[in-house]
Amino acid sequence: MGYNVMSATCPSRVVLHRIGARWTVFVVNALEDGPLRFTVLAEKIQGVTPKVLTETLRAMEEDGLLARVEYAEQPPRVEYGLTGLGRSLLVPLRAVREWAETHVPEILEARERARRG
């Protein structure tokens, strides 16, 4: 049985929703070079609140995109890292990131034209 994202009941819509969630792209990009602690991750992703980052990390862990590892140390240490499934998102998300960064001037110009009417 194949999946069709255009079908209202297709489970692939849930997957696209996770990938398209505002902060998922930033978390994947931030973890590209390896696992990070929460505070370092929050510093890398400027503008995300701790509450929203926590929610995003939990959802991504639930979806199998990242792993949360607790170390039995004092003080306790927790790191977040991409799973194999999460790492597989790097290629398509890198392409989207490069497209966005390349086309910023055109998008900003189009917005300005639309505002002027």
PDB file of N, CA and C in Angstrom:
ATOM      1  N   MET A   1       0.845  -1.180   0.000  1.00  0.00           N
ATOM      2  CA  MET A   1       0.000   0.000   0.000  1.00  0.00           C
ATOM      3  C   MET A   1       0.894   1.248   0.000  1.00  0.00           C
ATOM      4  N   GLY A   2       0.655   2.126  -0.929  1.00  0.00           N
ATOM      5  CA  GLY A   2       1.434   3.350  -1.007  1.00  0.00           C
ATOM      6  C   GLY A   2       0.789   4.476  -0.220  1.00  0.00           C
ATOM      7  N   TYR A   3       1.562   5.492   0.015  1.00  0.00           N
ATOM      8  CA  TYR A   3       1.065   6.671   0.726  1.00  0.00           C
ATOM      9  C   TYR A   3       0.898   7.810  -0.267  1.00  0.00           C
ATOM     10  N   ASN A   4      -0.128   8.615  -0.045  1.00  0.00           N
ATOM     11  CA  ASN A   4      -0.400   9.753  -0.905  1.00  0.00           C
ATOM     12  C   ASN A   4      -0.669  10.966  -0.022  1.00  0.00           C
ATOM     13  N   VAL A   5       0.289  11.868   0.063  1.00  0.00           N
ATOM     14  CA  VAL A   5       0.192  13.030   0.935  1.00  0.00           C
ATOM     15  C   VAL A   5      -1.005  13.924   0.586  1.00  0.00           C
ATOM     16  N   MET A   6      -1.504  13.793  -0.625  1.00  0.00           N
ATOM     17  CA  MET A   6      -2.637  14.619  -1.033  1.00  0.00           C
ATOM     18  C   MET A   6      -3.958  14.085  -0.478  1.00  0.00           C
ATOM     19  N   SER A   7      -3.963  12.861   0.033  1.00  0.00           N
ATOM     20  CA  SER A   7      -5.166  12.278   0.632  1.00  0.00           C
ATOM     21  C   SER A   7      -5.325  12.797   2.062  1.00  0.00           C
ATOM     22  N   ALA A   8      -6.520  13.248   2.382  1.00  0.00           N
ATOM     23  CA  ALA A   8      -6.787  13.851   3.695  1.00  0.00           C
ATOM     24  C   ALA A   8      -6.507  12.902   4.858  1.00  0.00           C
ATOM     25  N   THR A   9      -6.604  11.606   4.637  1.00  0.00           N
ATOM     26  CA  THR A   9      -6.426  10.642   5.727  1.00  0.00           C
ATOM     27  C   THR A   9      -5.068   9.957   5.718  1.00  0.00           C
ATOM     28  N   CYS A  10      -4.188  10.370   4.838  1.00  0.00           N
ATOM     29  CA  CYS A  10      -2.881   9.708   4.723  1.00  0.00           C
ATOM     30  C   CYS A  10      -1.974  10.062   5.902  1.00  0.00           C
ATOM     31  N   PRO A  11      -1.370   9.055   6.549  1.00  0.00           N
ATOM     32  CA  PRO A  11      -0.466   9.306   7.671  1.00  0.00           C
ATOM     33  C   PRO A  11       0.772  10.123   7.289  1.00  0.00           C
ATOM     34  N   SER A  12       1.098  10.166   6.000  1.00  0.00           N
ATOM     35  CA  SER A  12       2.262  10.956   5.599  1.00  0.00           C
ATOM     36  C   SER A  12       2.059  12.434   5.885  1.00  0.00           C
ATOM     37  N   ARG A  13       0.828  12.863   6.036  1.00  0.00           N
ATOM     38  CA  ARG A  13       0.567  14.262   6.391  1.00  0.00           C
ATOM     39  C   ARG A  13       1.113  14.581   7.783  1.00  0.00           C
ATOM     40  N   VAL A  14       1.039  13.618   8.673  1.00  0.00           N
ATOM     41  CA  VAL A  14       1.580  13.806  10.021  1.00  0.00           C
ATOM     42  C   VAL A  14       3.092  14.000   9.935  1.00  0.00           C
ATOM     43  N   VAL A  15       3.723  13.212   9.075  1.00  0.00           N
ATOM     44  CA  VAL A  15       5.172  13.309   8.893  1.00  0.00           C
ATOM     45  C   VAL A  15       5.532  14.683   8.336  1.00  0.00           C
ATOM     46  N   LEU A  16       4.826  15.133   7.318  1.00  0.00           N
ATOM     47  CA  LEU A  16       5.102  16.453   6.749  1.00  0.00           C
ATOM     48  C   LEU A  16       4.840  17.563   7.754  1.00  0.00           C
ATOM     49  N   HIS A  17       3.833  17.373   8.578  1.00  0.00           N
ATOM     50  CA  HIS A  17       3.561  18.369   9.617  1.00  0.00           C
ATOM     51  C   HIS A  17       4.750  18.490  10.571  1.00  0.00           C
ATOM     52  N   ARG A  18       5.336  17.356  10.957  1.00  0.00           N
ATOM     53  CA  ARG A  18       6.493  17.376  11.866  1.00  0.00           C
ATOM     54  C   ARG A  18       7.683  18.063  11.188  1.00  0.00           C
ATOM     55  N   ILE A  19       7.947  17.692   9.947  1.00  0.00           N
ATOM     56  CA  ILE A  19       9.083  18.282   9.243  1.00  0.00           C
ATOM     57  C   ILE A  19       8.865  19.776   9.029  1.00  0.00           C
ATOM     58  N   GLY A  20       7.625  20.146   8.752  1.00  0.00           N
ATOM     59  CA  GLY A  20       7.309  21.547   8.480  1.00  0.00           C
ATOM     60  C   GLY A  20       7.067  22.380   9.723  1.00  0.00           C
ATOM     61  N   ALA A  21       7.067  21.758  10.895  1.00  0.00           N
ATOM     62  CA  ALA A  21       6.876  22.513  12.131  1.00  0.00           C
ATOM     63  C   ALA A  21       7.980  23.559  12.256  1.00  0.00           C
ATOM     64  N   ARG A  22       7.627  24.696  12.748  1.00  0.00           N
ATOM     65  CA  ARG A  22       8.522  25.860  12.728  1.00  0.00           C
ATOM     66  C   ARG A  22       9.942  25.575  13.205  1.00  0.00           C
ATOM     67  N   TRP A  23      10.102  24.866  14.315  1.00  0.00           N
ATOM     68  CA  TRP A  23      11.425  24.730  14.919  1.00  0.00           C
ATOM     69  C   TRP A  23      12.144  23.437  14.564  1.00  0.00           C
ATOM     70  N   THR A  24      11.460  22.471  13.971  1.00  0.00           N
ATOM     71  CA  THR A  24      12.099  21.201  13.616  1.00  0.00           C
ATOM     72  C   THR A  24      13.295  21.409  12.703  1.00  0.00           C
ATOM     73  N   VAL A  25      13.136  22.238  11.686  1.00  0.00           N
ATOM     74  CA  VAL A  25      14.216  22.492  10.732  1.00  0.00           C
ATOM     75  C   VAL A  25      15.447  23.041  11.449  1.00  0.00           C
ATOM     76  N   PHE A  26      15.226  23.942  12.398  1.00  0.00           N
ATOM     77  CA  PHE A  26      16.344  24.542  13.114  1.00  0.00           C
ATOM     78  C   PHE A  26      17.037  23.524  14.020  1.00  0.00           C
ATOM     79  N   VAL A  27      16.262  22.672  14.675  1.00  0.00           N
ATOM     80  CA  VAL A  27      16.845  21.651  15.552  1.00  0.00           C
ATOM     81  C   VAL A  27      17.691  20.678  14.732  1.00  0.00           C
ATOM     82  N   VAL A  28      17.171  20.218  13.607  1.00  0.00           N
ATOM     83  CA  VAL A  28      17.926  19.294  12.758  1.00  0.00           C
ATOM     84  C   VAL A  28      19.234  19.939  12.314  1.00  0.00           C
ATOM     85  N   ASN A  29      19.155  21.171  11.854  1.00  0.00           N
ATOM     86  CA  ASN A  29      20.374  21.868  11.413  1.00  0.00           C
ATOM     87  C   ASN A  29      21.356  22.065  12.566  1.00  0.00           C
ATOM     88  N   ALA A  30      20.864  22.405  13.732  1.00  0.00           N
ATOM     89  CA  ALA A  30      21.739  22.645  14.885  1.00  0.00           C
ATOM     90  C   ALA A  30      22.454  21.374  15.335  1.00  0.00           C
ATOM     91  N   LEU A  31      21.815  20.227  15.157  1.00  0.00           N
ATOM     92  CA  LEU A  31      22.390  18.959  15.610  1.00  0.00           C
ATOM     93  C   LEU A  31      23.204  18.247  14.528  1.00  0.00           C
ATOM     94  N   GLU A  32      23.396  18.903  13.409  1.00  0.00           N
ATOM     95  CA  GLU A  32      24.107  18.284  12.285  1.00  0.00           C
ATOM     96  C   GLU A  32      25.492  17.765  12.676  1.00  0.00           C
ATOM     97  N   ASP A  33      26.224  18.508  13.494  1.00  0.00           N
ATOM     98  CA  ASP A  33      27.594  18.124  13.843  1.00  0.00           C
ATOM     99  C   ASP A  33      27.699  17.219  15.064  1.00  0.00           C
ATOM    100  N   GLY A  34      26.560  16.853  15.636  1.00  0.00           N
ATOM    101  CA  GLY A  34      26.587  15.945  16.770  1.00  0.00           C
ATOM    102  C   GLY A  34      25.692  16.393  17.899  1.00  0.00           C
ATOM    103  N   PRO A  35      25.587  15.561  18.932  1.00  0.00           N
ATOM    104  CA  PRO A  35      24.698  15.835  20.059  1.00  0.00           C
ATOM    105  C   PRO A  35      25.076  17.115  20.804  1.00  0.00           C
ATOM    106  N   LEU A  36      24.038  17.754  21.367  1.00  0.00           N
ATOM    107  CA  LEU A  36      24.231  18.979  22.141  1.00  0.00           C
ATOM    108  C   LEU A  36      23.367  18.947  23.391  1.00  0.00           C
ATOM    109  N   ARG A  37      23.815  19.676  24.391  1.00  0.00           N
ATOM    110  CA  ARG A  37      23.011  19.880  25.590  1.00  0.00           C
ATOM    111  C   ARG A  37      21.933  20.909  25.292  1.00  0.00           C
ATOM    112  N   PHE A  38      20.889  20.903  26.088  1.00  0.00           N
ATOM    113  CA  PHE A  38      19.745  21.785  25.875  1.00  0.00           C
ATOM    114  C   PHE A  38      20.164  23.252  25.795  1.00  0.00           C
ATOM    115  N   THR A  39      20.999  23.694  26.729  1.00  0.00           N
ATOM    116  CA  THR A  39      21.367  25.115  26.755  1.00  0.00           C
ATOM    117  C   THR A  39      22.163  25.517  25.518  1.00  0.00           C
ATOM    118  N   VAL A  40      23.030  24.645  25.047  1.00  0.00           N
ATOM    119  CA  VAL A  40      23.814  24.936  23.850  1.00  0.00           C
ATOM    120  C   VAL A  40      22.894  24.957  22.626  1.00  0.00           C
ATOM    121  N   LEU A  41      21.971  24.021  22.582  1.00  0.00           N
ATOM    122  CA  LEU A  41      21.004  23.968  21.493  1.00  0.00           C
ATOM    123  C   LEU A  41      20.162  25.248  21.463  1.00  0.00           C
ATOM    124  N   ALA A  42      19.717  25.693  22.629  1.00  0.00           N
ATOM    125  CA  ALA A  42      18.921  26.925  22.715  1.00  0.00           C
ATOM    126  C   ALA A  42      19.727  28.141  22.269  1.00  0.00           C
ATOM    127  N   GLU A  43      21.010  28.169  22.577  1.00  0.00           N
ATOM    128  CA  GLU A  43      21.871  29.281  22.147  1.00  0.00           C
ATOM    129  C   GLU A  43      22.066  29.285  20.633  1.00  0.00           C
ATOM    130  N   LYS A  44      22.201  28.094  20.048  1.00  0.00           N
ATOM    131  CA  LYS A  44      22.393  27.996  18.593  1.00  0.00           C
ATOM    132  C   LYS A  44      21.145  28.410  17.832  1.00  0.00           C
ATOM    133  N   ILE A  45      19.974  28.104  18.403  1.00  0.00           N
ATOM    134  CA  ILE A  45      18.704  28.406  17.734  1.00  0.00           C
ATOM    135  C   ILE A  45      18.156  29.689  18.346  1.00  0.00           C
ATOM    136  N   GLN A  46      18.627  30.787  17.891  1.00  0.00           N
ATOM    137  CA  GLN A  46      18.221  32.078  18.442  1.00  0.00           C
ATOM    138  C   GLN A  46      16.734  32.314  18.227  1.00  0.00           C
ATOM    139  N   GLY A  47      16.077  32.787  19.286  1.00  0.00           N
ATOM    140  CA  GLY A  47      14.671  33.146  19.188  1.00  0.00           C
ATOM    141  C   GLY A  47      13.692  32.101  19.679  1.00  0.00           C
ATOM    142  N   VAL A  48      14.141  30.886  19.957  1.00  0.00           N
ATOM    143  CA  VAL A  48      13.238  29.851  20.450  1.00  0.00           C
ATOM    144  C   VAL A  48      13.175  29.935  21.974  1.00  0.00           C
ATOM    145  N   THR A  49      11.971  29.823  22.523  1.00  0.00           N
ATOM    146  CA  THR A  49      11.824  29.840  23.976  1.00  0.00           C
ATOM    147  C   THR A  49      12.126  28.450  24.531  1.00  0.00           C
ATOM    148  N   PRO A  50      12.542  28.373  25.789  1.00  0.00           N
ATOM    149  CA  PRO A  50      12.798  27.050  26.377  1.00  0.00           C
ATOM    150  C   PRO A  50      11.571  26.128  26.309  1.00  0.00           C
ATOM    151  N   LYS A  51      10.391  26.680  26.532  1.00  0.00           N
ATOM    152  CA  LYS A  51       9.159  25.874  26.500  1.00  0.00           C
ATOM    153  C   LYS A  51       8.934  25.282  25.117  1.00  0.00           C
ATOM    154  N   VAL A  52       9.057  26.100  24.091  1.00  0.00           N
ATOM    155  CA  VAL A  52       8.833  25.632  22.723  1.00  0.00           C
ATOM    156  C   VAL A  52       9.929  24.661  22.302  1.00  0.00           C
ATOM    157  N   LEU A  53      11.163  24.915  22.694  1.00  0.00           N
ATOM    158  CA  LEU A  53      12.245  23.987  22.373  1.00  0.00           C
ATOM    159  C   LEU A  53      11.995  22.637  23.034  1.00  0.00           C
ATOM    160  N   THR A  54      11.578  22.645  24.278  1.00  0.00           N
ATOM    161  CA  THR A  54      11.269  21.400  24.986  1.00  0.00           C
ATOM    162  C   THR A  54      10.174  20.633  24.261  1.00  0.00           C
ATOM    163  N   GLU A  55       9.105  21.326  23.873  1.00  0.00           N
ATOM    164  CA  GLU A  55       7.999  20.675  23.160  1.00  0.00           C
ATOM    165  C   GLU A  55       8.471  20.096  21.828  1.00  0.00           C
ATOM    166  N   THR A  56       9.300  20.851  21.117  1.00  0.00           N
ATOM    167  CA  THR A  56       9.811  20.400  19.823  1.00  0.00           C
ATOM    168  C   THR A  56      10.688  19.169  19.992  1.00  0.00           C
ATOM    169  N   LEU A  57      11.582  19.195  20.984  1.00  0.00           N
ATOM    170  CA  LEU A  57      12.465  18.053  21.227  1.00  0.00           C
ATOM    171  C   LEU A  57      11.668  16.809  21.598  1.00  0.00           C
ATOM    172  N   ARG A  58      10.651  16.972  22.425  1.00  0.00           N
ATOM    173  CA  ARG A  58       9.818  15.814  22.812  1.00  0.00           C
ATOM    174  C   ARG A  58       9.103  15.232  21.599  1.00  0.00           C
ATOM    175  N   ALA A  59       8.541  16.100  20.761  1.00  0.00           N
ATOM    176  CA  ALA A  59       7.827  15.628  19.572  1.00  0.00           C
ATOM    177  C   ALA A  59       8.780  14.928  18.607  1.00  0.00           C
ATOM    178  N   MET A  60       9.963  15.482  18.435  1.00  0.00           N
ATOM    179  CA  MET A  60      10.939  14.875  17.534  1.00  0.00           C
ATOM    180  C   MET A  60      11.438  13.536  18.075  1.00  0.00           C
ATOM    181  N   GLU A  61      11.572  13.444  19.380  1.00  0.00           N
ATOM    182  CA  GLU A  61      11.975  12.172  19.995  1.00  0.00           C
ATOM    183  C   GLU A  61      10.868  11.138  19.794  1.00  0.00           C
ATOM    184  N   GLU A  62       9.640  11.551  19.999  1.00  0.00           N
ATOM    185  CA  GLU A  62       8.491  10.662  19.817  1.00  0.00           C
ATOM    186  C   GLU A  62       8.416  10.148  18.380  1.00  0.00           C
ATOM    187  N   ASP A  63       8.782  10.994  17.422  1.00  0.00           N
ATOM    188  CA  ASP A  63       8.747  10.618  16.014  1.00  0.00           C
ATOM    189  C   ASP A  63       9.998   9.859  15.569  1.00  0.00           C
ATOM    190  N   GLY A  64      10.948   9.657  16.491  1.00  0.00           N
ATOM    191  CA  GLY A  64      12.144   8.890  16.166  1.00  0.00           C
ATOM    192  C   GLY A  64      13.213   9.679  15.443  1.00  0.00           C
ATOM    193  N   LEU A  65      13.109  11.022  15.452  1.00  0.00           N
ATOM    194  CA  LEU A  65      14.079  11.853  14.747  1.00  0.00           C
ATOM    195  C   LEU A  65      15.296  12.182  15.594  1.00  0.00           C
ATOM    196  N   LEU A  66      15.135  12.160  16.899  1.00  0.00           N
ATOM    197  CA  LEU A  66      16.285  12.410  17.767  1.00  0.00           C
ATOM    198  C   LEU A  66      16.216  11.540  18.994  1.00  0.00           C
ATOM    199  N   ALA A  67      17.359  11.404  19.634  1.00  0.00           N
ATOM    200  CA  ALA A  67      17.475  10.606  20.856  1.00  0.00           C
ATOM    201  C   ALA A  67      17.922  11.517  21.991  1.00  0.00           C
ATOM    202  N   ARG A  68      17.326  11.314  23.135  1.00  0.00           N
ATOM    203  CA  ARG A  68      17.681  12.037  24.358  1.00  0.00           C
ATOM    204  C   ARG A  68      18.479  11.070  25.218  1.00  0.00           C
ATOM    205  N   VAL A  69      19.692  11.469  25.558  1.00  0.00           N
ATOM    206  CA  VAL A  69      20.561  10.590  26.344  1.00  0.00           C
ATOM    207  C   VAL A  69      20.868  11.265  27.672  1.00  0.00           C
ATOM    208  N   GLU A  70      20.541  10.561  28.760  1.00  0.00           N
ATOM    209  CA  GLU A  70      20.835  11.051  30.113  1.00  0.00           C
ATOM    210  C   GLU A  70      22.100  10.368  30.616  1.00  0.00           C
ATOM    211  N   TYR A  71      22.999  11.171  31.158  1.00  0.00           N
ATOM    212  CA  TYR A  71      24.234  10.642  31.726  1.00  0.00           C
ATOM    213  C   TYR A  71      24.133  10.709  33.242  1.00  0.00           C
ATOM    214  N   ALA A  72      24.512   9.612  33.906  1.00  0.00           N
ATOM    215  CA  ALA A  72      24.442   9.526  35.364  1.00  0.00           C
ATOM    216  C   ALA A  72      25.650  10.237  35.960  1.00  0.00           C
ATOM    217  N   GLU A  73      25.587  11.551  35.961  1.00  0.00           N
ATOM    218  CA  GLU A  73      26.673  12.378  36.488  1.00  0.00           C
ATOM    219  C   GLU A  73      26.088  13.376  37.475  1.00  0.00           C
ATOM    220  N   GLN A  74      26.951  14.004  38.219  1.00  0.00           N
ATOM    221  CA  GLN A  74      26.541  15.097  39.095  1.00  0.00           C
ATOM    222  C   GLN A  74      27.266  16.357  38.665  1.00  0.00           C
ATOM    223  N   PRO A  75      26.603  17.391  38.242  1.00  0.00           N
ATOM    224  CA  PRO A  75      25.150  17.442  38.043  1.00  0.00           C
ATOM    225  C   PRO A  75      24.749  16.611  36.825  1.00  0.00           C
ATOM    226  N   PRO A  76      23.467  16.236  36.764  1.00  0.00           N
ATOM    227  CA  PRO A  76      22.994  15.416  35.642  1.00  0.00           C
ATOM    228  C   PRO A  76      23.236  16.122  34.306  1.00  0.00           C
ATOM    229  N   ARG A  77      23.531  15.336  33.296  1.00  0.00           N
ATOM    230  CA  ARG A  77      23.770  15.882  31.963  1.00  0.00           C
ATOM    231  C   ARG A  77      22.878  15.147  30.979  1.00  0.00           C
ATOM    232  N   VAL A  78      22.230  15.920  30.106  1.00  0.00           N
ATOM    233  CA  VAL A  78      21.365  15.362  29.069  1.00  0.00           C
ATOM    234  C   VAL A  78      21.812  15.934  27.732  1.00  0.00           C
ATOM    235  N   GLU A  79      21.895  15.077  26.733  1.00  0.00           N
ATOM    236  CA  GLU A  79      22.234  15.516  25.382  1.00  0.00           C
ATOM    237  C   GLU A  79      21.179  15.031  24.400  1.00  0.00           C
ATOM    238  N   TYR A  80      21.026  15.807  23.352  1.00  0.00           N
ATOM    239  CA  TYR A  80      20.096  15.473  22.278  1.00  0.00           C
ATOM    240  C   TYR A  80      20.891  15.295  21.000  1.00  0.00           C
ATOM    241  N   GLY A  81      20.617  14.216  20.282  1.00  0.00           N
ATOM    242  CA  GLY A  81      21.310  13.961  19.026  1.00  0.00           C
ATOM    243  C   GLY A  81      20.364  13.362  18.006  1.00  0.00           C
ATOM    244  N   LEU A  82      20.684  13.553  16.755  1.00  0.00           N
ATOM    245  CA  LEU A  82      19.869  13.005  15.681  1.00  0.00           C
ATOM    246  C   LEU A  82      20.030  11.500  15.605  1.00  0.00           C
ATOM    247  N   THR A  83      18.933  10.820  15.344  1.00  0.00           N
ATOM    248  CA  THR A  83      18.982   9.393  15.053  1.00  0.00           C
ATOM    249  C   THR A  83      19.331   9.242  13.571  1.00  0.00           C
ATOM    250  N   GLY A  84      19.459   8.028  13.108  1.00  0.00           N
ATOM    251  CA  GLY A  84      19.669   7.807  11.680  1.00  0.00           C
ATOM    252  C   GLY A  84      18.541   8.404  10.855  1.00  0.00           C
ATOM    253  N   LEU A  85      17.319   8.239  11.339  1.00  0.00           N
ATOM    254  CA  LEU A  85      16.164   8.810  10.648  1.00  0.00           C
ATOM    255  C   LEU A  85      16.251  10.330  10.625  1.00  0.00           C
ATOM    256  N   GLY A  86      16.626  10.925  11.750  1.00  0.00           N
ATOM    257  CA  GLY A  86      16.782  12.380  11.814  1.00  0.00           C
ATOM    258  C   GLY A  86      17.893  12.867  10.902  1.00  0.00           C
ATOM    259  N   ARG A  87      18.995  12.131  10.855  1.00  0.00           N
ATOM    260  CA  ARG A  87      20.117  12.514   9.981  1.00  0.00           C
ATOM    261  C   ARG A  87      19.708  12.444   8.516  1.00  0.00           C
ATOM    262  N   SER A  88      18.782  11.549   8.190  1.00  0.00           N
ATOM    263  CA  SER A  88      18.341  11.438   6.800  1.00  0.00           C
ATOM    264  C   SER A  88      17.606  12.694   6.340  1.00  0.00           C
ATOM    265  N   LEU A  89      17.178  13.515   7.270  1.00  0.00           N
ATOM    266  CA  LEU A  89      16.527  14.790   6.925  1.00  0.00           C
ATOM    267  C   LEU A  89      17.530  15.871   6.548  1.00  0.00           C
ATOM    268  N   LEU A  90      18.788  15.687   6.882  1.00  0.00           N
ATOM    269  CA  LEU A  90      19.787  16.725   6.623  1.00  0.00           C
ATOM    270  C   LEU A  90      19.894  17.102   5.149  1.00  0.00           C
ATOM    271  N   VAL A  91      19.864  16.126   4.268  1.00  0.00           N
ATOM    272  CA  VAL A  91      20.026  16.418   2.839  1.00  0.00           C
ATOM    273  C   VAL A  91      18.863  17.257   2.304  1.00  0.00           C
ATOM    274  N   PRO A  92      17.620  16.817   2.467  1.00  0.00           N
ATOM    275  CA  PRO A  92      16.539  17.663   1.943  1.00  0.00           C
ATOM    276  C   PRO A  92      16.430  19.007   2.657  1.00  0.00           C
ATOM    277  N   LEU A  93      16.669  19.032   3.958  1.00  0.00           N
ATOM    278  CA  LEU A  93      16.578  20.306   4.675  1.00  0.00           C
ATOM    279  C   LEU A  93      17.724  21.241   4.317  1.00  0.00           C
ATOM    280  N   ARG A  94      18.885  20.690   4.020  1.00  0.00           N
ATOM    281  CA  ARG A  94      20.007  21.514   3.578  1.00  0.00           C
ATOM    282  C   ARG A  94      19.656  22.168   2.246  1.00  0.00           C
ATOM    283  N   ALA A  95      19.013  21.426   1.372  1.00  0.00           N
ATOM    284  CA  ALA A  95      18.599  21.987   0.080  1.00  0.00           C
ATOM    285  C   ALA A  95      17.596  23.120   0.287  1.00  0.00           C
ATOM    286  N   VAL A  96      16.652  22.932   1.192  1.00  0.00           N
ATOM    287  CA  VAL A  96      15.668  23.982   1.469  1.00  0.00           C
ATOM    288  C   VAL A  96      16.350  25.190   2.099  1.00  0.00           C
ATOM    289  N   ARG A  97      17.275  24.947   3.022  1.00  0.00           N
ATOM    290  CA  ARG A  97      18.005  26.044   3.661  1.00  0.00           C
ATOM    291  C   ARG A  97      18.799  26.846   2.633  1.00  0.00           C
ATOM    292  N   GLU A  98      19.516  26.144   1.764  1.00  0.00           N
ATOM    293  CA  GLU A  98      20.295  26.829   0.736  1.00  0.00           C
ATOM    294  C   GLU A  98      19.397  27.626  -0.197  1.00  0.00           C
ATOM    295  N   TRP A  99      18.248  27.052  -0.565  1.00  0.00           N
ATOM    296  CA  TRP A  99      17.303  27.764  -1.420  1.00  0.00           C
ATOM    297  C   TRP A  99      16.842  29.038  -0.722  1.00  0.00           C
ATOM    298  N   ALA A 100      16.469  28.919   0.550  1.00  0.00           N
ATOM    299  CA  ALA A 100      15.981  30.083   1.307  1.00  0.00           C
ATOM    300  C   ALA A 100      17.047  31.159   1.406  1.00  0.00           C
ATOM    301  N   GLU A 101      18.258  30.774   1.752  1.00  0.00           N
ATOM    302  CA  GLU A 101      19.332  31.758   1.902  1.00  0.00           C
ATOM    303  C   GLU A 101      19.704  32.404   0.564  1.00  0.00           C
ATOM    304  N   THR A 102      19.624  31.647  -0.509  1.00  0.00           N
ATOM    305  CA  THR A 102      19.942  32.173  -1.837  1.00  0.00           C
ATOM    306  C   THR A 102      18.887  33.167  -2.327  1.00  0.00           C
ATOM    307  N   HIS A 103      17.632  32.895  -2.019  1.00  0.00           N
ATOM    308  CA  HIS A 103      16.532  33.680  -2.575  1.00  0.00           C
ATOM    309  C   HIS A 103      15.971  34.752  -1.641  1.00  0.00           C
ATOM    310  N   VAL A 104      16.639  35.010  -0.540  1.00  0.00           N
ATOM    311  CA  VAL A 104      16.180  36.066   0.377  1.00  0.00           C
ATOM    312  C   VAL A 104      15.957  37.391  -0.347  1.00  0.00           C
ATOM    313  N   PRO A 105      16.916  37.882  -1.145  1.00  0.00           N
ATOM    314  CA  PRO A 105      16.698  39.181  -1.801  1.00  0.00           C
ATOM    315  C   PRO A 105      15.438  39.208  -2.674  1.00  0.00           C
ATOM    316  N   GLU A 106      15.212  38.138  -3.419  1.00  0.00           N
ATOM    317  CA  GLU A 106      14.037  38.091  -4.291  1.00  0.00           C
ATOM    318  C   GLU A 106      12.734  38.079  -3.496  1.00  0.00           C
ATOM    319  N   ILE A 107      12.711  37.336  -2.415  1.00  0.00           N
ATOM    320  CA  ILE A 107      11.520  37.265  -1.572  1.00  0.00           C
ATOM    321  C   ILE A 107      11.251  38.629  -0.937  1.00  0.00           C
ATOM    322  N   LEU A 108      12.306  39.260  -0.408  1.00  0.00           N
ATOM    323  CA  LEU A 108      12.137  40.578   0.210  1.00  0.00           C
ATOM    324  C   LEU A 108      11.659  41.616  -0.808  1.00  0.00           C
ATOM    325  N   GLU A 109      12.202  41.552  -2.018  1.00  0.00           N
ATOM    326  CA  GLU A 109      11.751  42.469  -3.074  1.00  0.00           C
ATOM    327  C   GLU A 109      10.287  42.231  -3.416  1.00  0.00           C
ATOM    328  N   ALA A 110       9.879  40.988  -3.540  1.00  0.00           N
ATOM    329  CA  ALA A 110       8.488  40.662  -3.851  1.00  0.00           C
ATOM    330  C   ALA A 110       7.555  41.155  -2.741  1.00  0.00           C
ATOM    331  N   ARG A 111       7.957  40.992  -1.493  1.00  0.00           N
ATOM    332  CA  ARG A 111       7.148  41.485  -0.372  1.00  0.00           C
ATOM    333  C   ARG A 111       7.005  42.998  -0.423  1.00  0.00           C
ATOM    334  N   GLU A 112       8.110  43.665  -0.738  1.00  0.00           N
ATOM    335  CA  GLU A 112       8.081  45.123  -0.799  1.00  0.00           C
ATOM    336  C   GLU A 112       7.150  45.576  -1.943  1.00  0.00           C
ATOM    337  N   ARG A 113       7.223  44.918  -3.076  1.00  0.00           N
ATOM    338  CA  ARG A 113       6.324  45.256  -4.194  1.00  0.00           C
ATOM    339  C   ARG A 113       4.868  45.044  -3.797  1.00  0.00           C
ATOM    340  N   ALA A 114       4.595  43.957  -3.088  1.00  0.00           N
ATOM    341  CA  ALA A 114       3.214  43.667  -2.668  1.00  0.00           C
ATOM    342  C   ALA A 114       2.712  44.712  -1.679  1.00  0.00           C
ATOM    343  N   ARG A 115       3.562  45.176  -0.795  1.00  0.00           N
ATOM    344  CA  ARG A 115       3.158  46.201   0.176  1.00  0.00           C
ATOM    345  C   ARG A 115       2.850  47.535  -0.501  1.00  0.00           C
ATOM    346  N   ARG A 116       3.622  47.841  -1.538  1.00  0.00           N
ATOM    347  CA  ARG A 116       3.422  49.113  -2.259  1.00  0.00           C
ATOM    348  C   ARG A 116       2.180  49.062  -3.130  1.00  0.00           C
ATOM    349  N   GLY A 117       1.748  47.850  -3.435  1.00  0.00           N
ATOM    350  CA  GLY A 117       0.535  47.679  -4.237  1.00  0.00           C
ATOM    351  C   GLY A 117       0.832  47.682  -5.657  1.00  0.00           C
TER     352      GLY A 117
END
